[in-house]
Amino acid sequence: MPLPGTQVQRTIYALPDIHDMPRQKKPTQLTADQYDALERAIADGRKLSVWRRGTEFIVLVDRLRVSGGREALEAHHPTTGDKLTLYIDELEGIEVVR
């Protein structure tokens, strides 16, 4: 507590805005069992339920490929046939539809 008649000097440090900070890429790590289930679903032509940015997609995966060092699922919508490329490192979840 300062004495009466004295001033307190304060230093304020500006913190970087969260949007200015570099985005941390977290690599998606699939276990061997998860890769086996994914590959089996692709080979059997089964549907996958995948989540990306809070949205669920039900897709049929045509192939799993590596593009620019990233694993990607090339898929299509089972009803409309619309093509999608889903990068595994962007997905929040993958589930085989039974």
PDB file of N, CA and C in Angstrom:
ATOM      1  N   MET A   1       0.849  -1.163   0.000  1.00  0.00           N
ATOM      2  CA  MET A   1       0.000   0.000   0.000  1.00  0.00           C
ATOM      3  C   MET A   1       0.896   1.226   0.000  1.00  0.00           C
ATOM      4  N   PRO A   2       0.694   2.115  -0.985  1.00  0.00           N
ATOM      5  CA  PRO A   2       1.563   3.285  -1.067  1.00  0.00           C
ATOM      6  C   PRO A   2       1.228   4.305   0.015  1.00  0.00           C
ATOM      7  N   LEU A   3       2.233   5.096   0.329  1.00  0.00           N
ATOM      8  CA  LEU A   3       2.030   6.171   1.306  1.00  0.00           C
ATOM      9  C   LEU A   3       1.212   7.288   0.667  1.00  0.00           C
ATOM     10  N   PRO A   4       0.459   8.027   1.458  1.00  0.00           N
ATOM     11  CA  PRO A   4      -0.317   9.130   0.889  1.00  0.00           C
ATOM     12  C   PRO A   4       0.600  10.113   0.183  1.00  0.00           C
ATOM     13  N   GLY A   5       0.161  10.553  -1.007  1.00  0.00           N
ATOM     14  CA  GLY A   5       0.927  11.525  -1.782  1.00  0.00           C
ATOM     15  C   GLY A   5       1.965  10.905  -2.691  1.00  0.00           C
ATOM     16  N   THR A   6       2.137   9.579  -2.686  1.00  0.00           N
ATOM     17  CA  THR A   6       3.096   8.930  -3.589  1.00  0.00           C
ATOM     18  C   THR A   6       2.341   8.247  -4.720  1.00  0.00           C
ATOM     19  N   GLN A   7       3.021   8.042  -5.814  1.00  0.00           N
ATOM     20  CA  GLN A   7       2.389   7.379  -6.955  1.00  0.00           C
ATOM     21  C   GLN A   7       2.982   5.994  -7.140  1.00  0.00           C
ATOM     22  N   VAL A   8       2.148   5.099  -7.630  1.00  0.00           N
ATOM     23  CA  VAL A   8       2.585   3.738  -7.922  1.00  0.00           C
ATOM     24  C   VAL A   8       2.733   3.620  -9.432  1.00  0.00           C
ATOM     25  N   GLN A   9       3.882   3.140  -9.850  1.00  0.00           N
ATOM     26  CA  GLN A   9       4.114   2.959 -11.270  1.00  0.00           C
ATOM     27  C   GLN A   9       3.803   1.507 -11.623  1.00  0.00           C
ATOM     28  N   ARG A  10       2.989   1.332 -12.651  1.00  0.00           N
ATOM     29  CA  ARG A  10       2.619  -0.019 -13.086  1.00  0.00           C
ATOM     30  C   ARG A  10       3.076  -0.225 -14.522  1.00  0.00           C
ATOM     31  N   THR A  11       3.538  -1.404 -14.801  1.00  0.00           N
ATOM     32  CA  THR A  11       3.921  -1.754 -16.160  1.00  0.00           C
ATOM     33  C   THR A  11       2.912  -2.752 -16.686  1.00  0.00           C
ATOM     34  N   ILE A  12       2.347  -2.470 -17.826  1.00  0.00           N
ATOM     35  CA  ILE A  12       1.372  -3.368 -18.437  1.00  0.00           C
ATOM     36  C   ILE A  12       2.027  -3.985 -19.664  1.00  0.00           C
ATOM     37  N   TYR A  13       2.032  -5.301 -19.707  1.00  0.00           N
ATOM     38  CA  TYR A  13       2.598  -6.039 -20.833  1.00  0.00           C
ATOM     39  C   TYR A  13       1.458  -6.487 -21.737  1.00  0.00           C
ATOM     40  N   ALA A  14       1.572  -6.219 -23.003  1.00  0.00           N
ATOM     41  CA  ALA A  14       0.558  -6.656 -23.966  1.00  0.00           C
ATOM     42  C   ALA A  14       0.817  -8.121 -24.310  1.00  0.00           C
ATOM     43  N   LEU A  15      -0.193  -8.930 -24.140  1.00  0.00           N
ATOM     44  CA  LEU A  15      -0.095 -10.335 -24.514  1.00  0.00           C
ATOM     45  C   LEU A  15      -0.540 -10.491 -25.962  1.00  0.00           C
ATOM     46  N   PRO A  16       0.048 -11.429 -26.683  1.00  0.00           N
ATOM     47  CA  PRO A  16      -0.368 -11.608 -28.075  1.00  0.00           C
ATOM     48  C   PRO A  16      -1.807 -12.103 -28.129  1.00  0.00           C
ATOM     49  N   ASP A  17      -2.524 -11.648 -29.127  1.00  0.00           N
ATOM     50  CA  ASP A  17      -3.879 -12.132 -29.336  1.00  0.00           C
ATOM     51  C   ASP A  17      -3.799 -13.614 -29.677  1.00  0.00           C
ATOM     52  N   ILE A  18      -4.752 -14.384 -29.229  1.00  0.00           N
ATOM     53  CA  ILE A  18      -4.725 -15.831 -29.459  1.00  0.00           C
ATOM     54  C   ILE A  18      -4.746 -16.147 -30.951  1.00  0.00           C
ATOM     55  N   HIS A  19      -5.362 -15.271 -31.754  1.00  0.00           N
ATOM     56  CA  HIS A  19      -5.422 -15.517 -33.193  1.00  0.00           C
ATOM     57  C   HIS A  19      -4.084 -15.245 -33.874  1.00  0.00           C
ATOM     58  N   ASP A  20      -3.187 -14.511 -33.219  1.00  0.00           N
ATOM     59  CA  ASP A  20      -1.868 -14.242 -33.777  1.00  0.00           C
ATOM     60  C   ASP A  20      -0.871 -15.357 -33.485  1.00  0.00           C
ATOM     61  N   MET A  21      -1.226 -16.232 -32.567  1.00  0.00           N
ATOM     62  CA  MET A  21      -0.303 -17.293 -32.168  1.00  0.00           C
ATOM     63  C   MET A  21      -0.308 -18.396 -33.231  1.00  0.00           C
ATOM     64  N   PRO A  22       0.828 -19.021 -33.460  1.00  0.00           N
ATOM     65  CA  PRO A  22       0.870 -20.091 -34.457  1.00  0.00           C
ATOM     66  C   PRO A  22       0.012 -21.269 -34.006  1.00  0.00           C
ATOM     67  N   ARG A  23      -0.688 -21.849 -34.957  1.00  0.00           N
ATOM     68  CA  ARG A  23      -1.558 -22.978 -34.661  1.00  0.00           C
ATOM     69  C   ARG A  23      -0.719 -24.222 -34.430  1.00  0.00           C
ATOM     70  N   GLN A  24      -0.982 -24.887 -33.344  1.00  0.00           N
ATOM     71  CA  GLN A  24      -0.281 -26.130 -33.037  1.00  0.00           C
ATOM     72  C   GLN A  24      -0.969 -27.261 -33.784  1.00  0.00           C
ATOM     73  N   LYS A  25      -0.251 -27.932 -34.643  1.00  0.00           N
ATOM     74  CA  LYS A  25      -0.805 -29.077 -35.337  1.00  0.00           C
ATOM     75  C   LYS A  25      -0.609 -30.298 -34.466  1.00  0.00           C
ATOM     76  N   LYS A  26      -1.684 -30.930 -34.114  1.00  0.00           N
ATOM     77  CA  LYS A  26      -1.556 -32.159 -33.357  1.00  0.00           C
ATOM     78  C   LYS A  26      -1.778 -33.329 -34.303  1.00  0.00           C
ATOM     79  N   PRO A  27      -0.792 -34.152 -34.465  1.00  0.00           N
ATOM     80  CA  PRO A  27      -0.962 -35.262 -35.389  1.00  0.00           C
ATOM     81  C   PRO A  27      -1.954 -36.273 -34.822  1.00  0.00           C
ATOM     82  N   THR A  28      -2.833 -36.728 -35.688  1.00  0.00           N
ATOM     83  CA  THR A  28      -3.776 -37.753 -35.275  1.00  0.00           C
ATOM     84  C   THR A  28      -3.023 -39.069 -35.225  1.00  0.00           C
ATOM     85  N   GLN A  29      -3.097 -39.712 -34.111  1.00  0.00           N
ATOM     86  CA  GLN A  29      -2.417 -40.977 -33.927  1.00  0.00           C
ATOM     87  C   GLN A  29      -3.452 -42.089 -33.904  1.00  0.00           C
ATOM     88  N   LEU A  30      -3.440 -42.932 -34.895  1.00  0.00           N
ATOM     89  CA  LEU A  30      -4.317 -44.096 -34.906  1.00  0.00           C
ATOM     90  C   LEU A  30      -3.512 -45.309 -34.464  1.00  0.00           C
ATOM     91  N   THR A  31      -4.143 -46.142 -33.696  1.00  0.00           N
ATOM     92  CA  THR A  31      -3.483 -47.374 -33.255  1.00  0.00           C
ATOM     93  C   THR A  31      -3.528 -48.389 -34.391  1.00  0.00           C
ATOM     94  N   ALA A  32      -2.800 -49.464 -34.234  1.00  0.00           N
ATOM     95  CA  ALA A  32      -2.794 -50.522 -35.243  1.00  0.00           C
ATOM     96  C   ALA A  32      -4.189 -51.114 -35.400  1.00  0.00           C
ATOM     97  N   ASP A  33      -4.920 -51.279 -34.288  1.00  0.00           N
ATOM     98  CA  ASP A  33      -6.285 -51.812 -34.358  1.00  0.00           C
ATOM     99  C   ASP A  33      -7.215 -50.851 -35.102  1.00  0.00           C
ATOM    100  N   GLN A  34      -7.031 -49.557 -34.893  1.00  0.00           N
ATOM    101  CA  GLN A  34      -7.864 -48.576 -35.592  1.00  0.00           C
ATOM    102  C   GLN A  34      -7.571 -48.576 -37.089  1.00  0.00           C
ATOM    103  N   TYR A  35      -6.286 -48.697 -37.453  1.00  0.00           N
ATOM    104  CA  TYR A  35      -5.945 -48.790 -38.872  1.00  0.00           C
ATOM    105  C   TYR A  35      -6.531 -50.058 -39.484  1.00  0.00           C
ATOM    106  N   ASP A  36      -6.461 -51.171 -38.750  1.00  0.00           N
ATOM    107  CA  ASP A  36      -7.034 -52.424 -39.249  1.00  0.00           C
ATOM    108  C   ASP A  36      -8.536 -52.275 -39.496  1.00  0.00           C
ATOM    109  N   ALA A  37      -9.247 -51.658 -38.542  1.00  0.00           N
ATOM    110  CA  ALA A  37     -10.692 -51.464 -38.691  1.00  0.00           C
ATOM    111  C   ALA A  37     -10.996 -50.544 -39.877  1.00  0.00           C
ATOM    112  N   LEU A  38     -10.193 -49.490 -40.046  1.00  0.00           N
ATOM    113  CA  LEU A  38     -10.372 -48.565 -41.156  1.00  0.00           C
ATOM    114  C   LEU A  38     -10.125 -49.267 -42.488  1.00  0.00           C
ATOM    115  N   GLU A  39      -9.047 -50.017 -42.580  1.00  0.00           N
ATOM    116  CA  GLU A  39      -8.729 -50.731 -43.812  1.00  0.00           C
ATOM    117  C   GLU A  39      -9.772 -51.794 -44.126  1.00  0.00           C
ATOM    118  N   ARG A  40     -10.268 -52.488 -43.095  1.00  0.00           N
ATOM    119  CA  ARG A  40     -11.301 -53.513 -43.290  1.00  0.00           C
ATOM    120  C   ARG A  40     -12.592 -52.866 -43.789  1.00  0.00           C
ATOM    121  N   ALA A  41     -12.953 -51.708 -43.232  1.00  0.00           N
ATOM    122  CA  ALA A  41     -14.158 -50.995 -43.668  1.00  0.00           C
ATOM    123  C   ALA A  41     -14.033 -50.562 -45.125  1.00  0.00           C
ATOM    124  N   ILE A  42     -12.844 -50.102 -45.515  1.00  0.00           N
ATOM    125  CA  ILE A  42     -12.622 -49.687 -46.896  1.00  0.00           C
ATOM    126  C   ILE A  42     -12.726 -50.898 -47.825  1.00  0.00           C
ATOM    127  N   ALA A  43     -12.082 -52.008 -47.454  1.00  0.00           N
ATOM    128  CA  ALA A  43     -12.086 -53.210 -48.289  1.00  0.00           C
ATOM    129  C   ALA A  43     -13.488 -53.796 -48.419  1.00  0.00           C
ATOM    130  N   ASP A  44     -14.284 -53.723 -47.349  1.00  0.00           N
ATOM    131  CA  ASP A  44     -15.638 -54.293 -47.358  1.00  0.00           C
ATOM    132  C   ASP A  44     -16.691 -53.319 -47.883  1.00  0.00           C
ATOM    133  N   GLY A  45     -16.297 -52.074 -48.159  1.00  0.00           N
ATOM    134  CA  GLY A  45     -17.258 -51.087 -48.646  1.00  0.00           C
ATOM    135  C   GLY A  45     -18.260 -50.657 -47.597  1.00  0.00           C
ATOM    136  N   ARG A  46     -17.836 -50.641 -46.336  1.00  0.00           N
ATOM    137  CA  ARG A  46     -18.736 -50.247 -45.245  1.00  0.00           C
ATOM    138  C   ARG A  46     -18.700 -48.741 -45.034  1.00  0.00           C
ATOM    139  N   LYS A  47     -19.769 -48.239 -44.465  1.00  0.00           N
ATOM    140  CA  LYS A  47     -19.865 -46.807 -44.198  1.00  0.00           C
ATOM    141  C   LYS A  47     -19.052 -46.429 -42.974  1.00  0.00           C
ATOM    142  N   LEU A  48     -18.525 -45.207 -43.015  1.00  0.00           N
ATOM    143  CA  LEU A  48     -17.825 -44.634 -41.871  1.00  0.00           C
ATOM    144  C   LEU A  48     -18.568 -43.385 -41.417  1.00  0.00           C
ATOM    145  N   SER A  49     -18.568 -43.197 -40.130  1.00  0.00           N
ATOM    146  CA  SER A  49     -19.057 -41.965 -39.538  1.00  0.00           C
ATOM    147  C   SER A  49     -17.816 -41.204 -39.095  1.00  0.00           C
ATOM    148  N   VAL A  50     -17.605 -40.022 -39.673  1.00  0.00           N
ATOM    149  CA  VAL A  50     -16.427 -39.222 -39.327  1.00  0.00           C
ATOM    150  C   VAL A  50     -16.888 -37.847 -38.849  1.00  0.00           C
ATOM    151  N   TRP A  51     -16.157 -37.297 -37.888  1.00  0.00           N
ATOM    152  CA  TRP A  51     -16.455 -35.971 -37.356  1.00  0.00           C
ATOM    153  C   TRP A  51     -15.301 -35.042 -37.691  1.00  0.00           C
ATOM    154  N   ARG A  52     -15.674 -33.880 -38.262  1.00  0.00           N
ATOM    155  CA  ARG A  52     -14.692 -32.849 -38.558  1.00  0.00           C
ATOM    156  C   ARG A  52     -15.329 -31.494 -38.259  1.00  0.00           C
ATOM    157  N   ARG A  53     -14.646 -30.710 -37.433  1.00  0.00           N
ATOM    158  CA  ARG A  53     -15.118 -29.383 -37.042  1.00  0.00           C
ATOM    159  C   ARG A  53     -16.547 -29.399 -36.526  1.00  0.00           C
ATOM    160  N   GLY A  54     -16.882 -30.423 -35.738  1.00  0.00           N
ATOM    161  CA  GLY A  54     -18.198 -30.507 -35.114  1.00  0.00           C
ATOM    162  C   GLY A  54     -19.308 -31.032 -36.004  1.00  0.00           C
ATOM    163  N   THR A  55     -18.991 -31.436 -37.219  1.00  0.00           N
ATOM    164  CA  THR A  55     -19.991 -31.951 -38.148  1.00  0.00           C
ATOM    165  C   THR A  55     -19.745 -33.420 -38.400  1.00  0.00           C
ATOM    166  N   GLU A  56     -20.821 -34.198 -38.381  1.00  0.00           N
ATOM    167  CA  GLU A  56     -20.705 -35.618 -38.653  1.00  0.00           C
ATOM    168  C   GLU A  56     -20.981 -35.874 -40.136  1.00  0.00           C
ATOM    169  N   PHE A  57     -20.131 -36.671 -40.745  1.00  0.00           N
ATOM    170  CA  PHE A  57     -20.305 -37.079 -42.132  1.00  0.00           C
ATOM    171  C   PHE A  57     -20.430 -38.597 -42.166  1.00  0.00           C
ATOM    172  N   ILE A  58     -21.406 -39.113 -42.892  1.00  0.00           N
ATOM    173  CA  ILE A  58     -21.498 -40.544 -43.157  1.00  0.00           C
ATOM    174  C   ILE A  58     -21.017 -40.721 -44.587  1.00  0.00           C
ATOM    175  N   VAL A  59     -19.953 -41.489 -44.758  1.00  0.00           N
ATOM    176  CA  VAL A  59     -19.332 -41.620 -46.072  1.00  0.00           C
ATOM    177  C   VAL A  59     -18.948 -43.061 -46.355  1.00  0.00           C
ATOM    178  N   LEU A  60     -18.751 -43.331 -47.631  1.00  0.00           N
ATOM    179  CA  LEU A  60     -18.122 -44.570 -48.081  1.00  0.00           C
ATOM    180  C   LEU A  60     -16.731 -44.192 -48.567  1.00  0.00           C
ATOM    181  N   VAL A  61     -15.727 -44.827 -48.018  1.00  0.00           N
ATOM    182  CA  VAL A  61     -14.348 -44.485 -48.360  1.00  0.00           C
ATOM    183  C   VAL A  61     -13.903 -45.294 -49.568  1.00  0.00           C
ATOM    184  N   ASP A  62     -13.382 -44.588 -50.566  1.00  0.00           N
ATOM    185  CA  ASP A  62     -12.889 -45.239 -51.767  1.00  0.00           C
ATOM    186  C   ASP A  62     -11.443 -45.693 -51.607  1.00  0.00           C
ATOM    187  N   ARG A  63     -10.641 -44.854 -50.933  1.00  0.00           N
ATOM    188  CA  ARG A  63      -9.250 -45.240 -50.701  1.00  0.00           C
ATOM    189  C   ARG A  63      -8.619 -44.369 -49.624  1.00  0.00           C
ATOM    190  N   LEU A  64      -7.548 -44.876 -49.088  1.00  0.00           N
ATOM    191  CA  LEU A  64      -6.716 -44.160 -48.115  1.00  0.00           C
ATOM    192  C   LEU A  64      -5.408 -43.864 -48.831  1.00  0.00           C
ATOM    193  N   ARG A  65      -4.996 -42.580 -48.831  1.00  0.00           N
ATOM    194  CA  ARG A  65      -3.766 -42.225 -49.532  1.00  0.00           C
ATOM    195  C   ARG A  65      -2.971 -41.225 -48.708  1.00  0.00           C
ATOM    196  N   VAL A  66      -1.720 -41.044 -49.090  1.00  0.00           N
ATOM    197  CA  VAL A  66      -0.861 -40.043 -48.464  1.00  0.00           C
ATOM    198  C   VAL A  66      -0.616 -38.951 -49.487  1.00  0.00           C
ATOM    199  N   SER A  67      -0.884 -37.712 -49.081  1.00  0.00           N
ATOM    200  CA  SER A  67      -0.721 -36.563 -49.975  1.00  0.00           C
ATOM    201  C   SER A  67       0.023 -35.470 -49.228  1.00  0.00           C
ATOM    202  N   GLY A  68       1.192 -35.124 -49.688  1.00  0.00           N
ATOM    203  CA  GLY A  68       1.977 -34.079 -49.035  1.00  0.00           C
ATOM    204  C   GLY A  68       2.348 -34.435 -47.608  1.00  0.00           C
ATOM    205  N   GLY A  69       2.554 -35.710 -47.342  1.00  0.00           N
ATOM    206  CA  GLY A  69       2.905 -36.154 -45.991  1.00  0.00           C
ATOM    207  C   GLY A  69       1.714 -36.295 -45.055  1.00  0.00           C
ATOM    208  N   ARG A  70       0.506 -36.104 -45.567  1.00  0.00           N
ATOM    209  CA  ARG A  70      -0.706 -36.220 -44.749  1.00  0.00           C
ATOM    210  C   ARG A  70      -1.561 -37.365 -45.272  1.00  0.00           C
ATOM    211  N   GLU A  71      -2.151 -38.121 -44.359  1.00  0.00           N
ATOM    212  CA  GLU A  71      -3.039 -39.207 -44.747  1.00  0.00           C
ATOM    213  C   GLU A  71      -4.423 -38.645 -45.039  1.00  0.00           C
ATOM    214  N   ALA A  72      -4.996 -39.088 -46.142  1.00  0.00           N
ATOM    215  CA  ALA A  72      -6.304 -38.596 -46.554  1.00  0.00           C
ATOM    216  C   ALA A  72      -7.215 -39.757 -46.916  1.00  0.00           C
ATOM    217  N   LEU A  73      -8.488 -39.586 -46.590  1.00  0.00           N
ATOM    218  CA  LEU A  73      -9.518 -40.528 -47.005  1.00  0.00           C
ATOM    219  C   LEU A  73     -10.221 -39.908 -48.206  1.00  0.00           C
ATOM    220  N   GLU A  74     -10.195 -40.607 -49.323  1.00  0.00           N
ATOM    221  CA  GLU A  74     -10.988 -40.180 -50.464  1.00  0.00           C
ATOM    222  C   GLU A  74     -12.297 -40.933 -50.358  1.00  0.00           C
ATOM    223  N   ALA A  75     -13.395 -40.184 -50.217  1.00  0.00           N
ATOM    224  CA  ALA A  75     -14.679 -40.789 -49.927  1.00  0.00           C
ATOM    225  C   ALA A  75     -15.767 -40.162 -50.780  1.00  0.00           C
ATOM    226  N   HIS A  76     -16.964 -40.771 -50.706  1.00  0.00           N
ATOM    227  CA  HIS A  76     -18.133 -40.188 -51.353  1.00  0.00           C
ATOM    228  C   HIS A  76     -19.352 -40.405 -50.469  1.00  0.00           C
ATOM    229  N   HIS A  77     -20.339 -39.532 -50.645  1.00  0.00           N
ATOM    230  CA  HIS A  77     -21.579 -39.624 -49.889  1.00  0.00           C
ATOM    231  C   HIS A  77     -22.364 -40.819 -50.440  1.00  0.00           C
ATOM    232  N   PRO A  78     -22.915 -41.680 -49.568  1.00  0.00           N
ATOM    233  CA  PRO A  78     -23.568 -42.894 -50.061  1.00  0.00           C
ATOM    234  C   PRO A  78     -24.829 -42.641 -50.890  1.00  0.00           C
ATOM    235  N   THR A  79     -25.516 -41.522 -50.682  1.00  0.00           N
ATOM    236  CA  THR A  79     -26.746 -41.255 -51.421  1.00  0.00           C
ATOM    237  C   THR A  79     -26.523 -40.370 -52.638  1.00  0.00           C
ATOM    238  N   THR A  80     -25.806 -39.267 -52.450  1.00  0.00           N
ATOM    239  CA  THR A  80     -25.639 -38.296 -53.538  1.00  0.00           C
ATOM    240  C   THR A  80     -24.435 -38.582 -54.419  1.00  0.00           C
ATOM    241  N   GLY A  81     -23.457 -39.298 -53.890  1.00  0.00           N
ATOM    242  CA  GLY A  81     -22.242 -39.581 -54.650  1.00  0.00           C
ATOM    243  C   GLY A  81     -21.242 -38.446 -54.637  1.00  0.00           C
ATOM    244  N   ASP A  82     -21.526 -37.361 -53.880  1.00  0.00           N
ATOM    245  CA  ASP A  82     -20.593 -36.230 -53.793  1.00  0.00           C
ATOM    246  C   ASP A  82     -19.257 -36.698 -53.244  1.00  0.00           C
ATOM    247  N   LYS A  83     -18.176 -36.248 -53.881  1.00  0.00           N
ATOM    248  CA  LYS A  83     -16.817 -36.640 -53.481  1.00  0.00           C
ATOM    249  C   LYS A  83     -16.315 -35.751 -52.346  1.00  0.00           C
ATOM    250  N   LEU A  84     -15.573 -36.350 -51.409  1.00  0.00           N
ATOM    251  CA  LEU A  84     -14.959 -35.647 -50.289  1.00  0.00           C
ATOM    252  C   LEU A  84     -13.543 -36.155 -50.112  1.00  0.00           C
ATOM    253  N   THR A  85     -12.651 -35.262 -49.743  1.00  0.00           N
ATOM    254  CA  THR A  85     -11.320 -35.648 -49.299  1.00  0.00           C
ATOM    255  C   THR A  85     -11.210 -35.210 -47.850  1.00  0.00           C
ATOM    256  N   LEU A  86     -11.026 -36.168 -46.961  1.00  0.00           N
ATOM    257  CA  LEU A  86     -10.957 -35.906 -45.524  1.00  0.00           C
ATOM    258  C   LEU A  86      -9.563 -36.260 -45.029  1.00  0.00           C
ATOM    259  N   TYR A  87      -8.862 -35.265 -44.503  1.00  0.00           N
ATOM    260  CA  TYR A  87      -7.524 -35.507 -43.977  1.00  0.00           C
ATOM    261  C   TYR A  87      -7.649 -36.015 -42.545  1.00  0.00           C
ATOM    262  N   ILE A  88      -6.974 -37.104 -42.253  1.00  0.00           N
ATOM    263  CA  ILE A  88      -7.097 -37.748 -40.949  1.00  0.00           C
ATOM    264  C   ILE A  88      -6.673 -36.825 -39.822  1.00  0.00           C
ATOM    265  N   ASP A  89      -5.658 -35.972 -40.054  1.00  0.00           N
ATOM    266  CA  ASP A  89      -5.210 -35.095 -38.977  1.00  0.00           C
ATOM    267  C   ASP A  89      -6.200 -33.968 -38.664  1.00  0.00           C
ATOM    268  N   GLU A  90      -7.239 -33.804 -39.483  1.00  0.00           N
ATOM    269  CA  GLU A  90      -8.283 -32.818 -39.223  1.00  0.00           C
ATOM    270  C   GLU A  90      -9.517 -33.421 -38.559  1.00  0.00           C
ATOM    271  N   LEU A  91      -9.559 -34.746 -38.478  1.00  0.00           N
ATOM    272  CA  LEU A  91     -10.755 -35.417 -37.962  1.00  0.00           C
ATOM    273  C   LEU A  91     -10.744 -35.491 -36.450  1.00  0.00           C
ATOM    274  N   GLU A  92     -11.943 -35.344 -35.894  1.00  0.00           N
ATOM    275  CA  GLU A  92     -12.110 -35.451 -34.436  1.00  0.00           C
ATOM    276  C   GLU A  92     -12.475 -36.871 -34.028  1.00  0.00           C
ATOM    277  N   GLY A  93     -13.017 -37.645 -34.959  1.00  0.00           N
ATOM    278  CA  GLY A  93     -13.381 -39.014 -34.644  1.00  0.00           C
ATOM    279  C   GLY A  93     -13.741 -39.787 -35.894  1.00  0.00           C
ATOM    280  N   ILE A  94     -13.523 -41.081 -35.833  1.00  0.00           N
ATOM    281  CA  ILE A  94     -13.847 -41.998 -36.929  1.00  0.00           C
ATOM    282  C   ILE A  94     -14.514 -43.216 -36.297  1.00  0.00           C
ATOM    283  N   GLU A  95     -15.612 -43.649 -36.906  1.00  0.00           N
ATOM    284  CA  GLU A  95     -16.304 -44.833 -36.394  1.00  0.00           C
ATOM    285  C   GLU A  95     -16.864 -45.625 -37.569  1.00  0.00           C
ATOM    286  N   VAL A  96     -16.708 -46.939 -37.534  1.00  0.00           N
ATOM    287  CA  VAL A  96     -17.270 -47.806 -38.571  1.00  0.00           C
ATOM    288  C   VAL A  96     -18.742 -48.012 -38.237  1.00  0.00           C
ATOM    289  N   VAL A  97     -19.607 -47.773 -39.235  1.00  0.00           N
ATOM    290  CA  VAL A  97     -21.043 -47.965 -39.034  1.00  0.00           C
ATOM    291  C   VAL A  97     -21.332 -49.439 -39.223  1.00  0.00           C
ATOM    292  N   ARG A  98     -21.962 -50.019 -38.273  1.00  0.00           N
ATOM    293  CA  ARG A  98     -22.259 -51.468 -38.326  1.00  0.00           C
ATOM    294  C   ARG A  98     -23.654 -51.726 -38.810  1.00  0.00           C
TER     295      ARG A  98
END
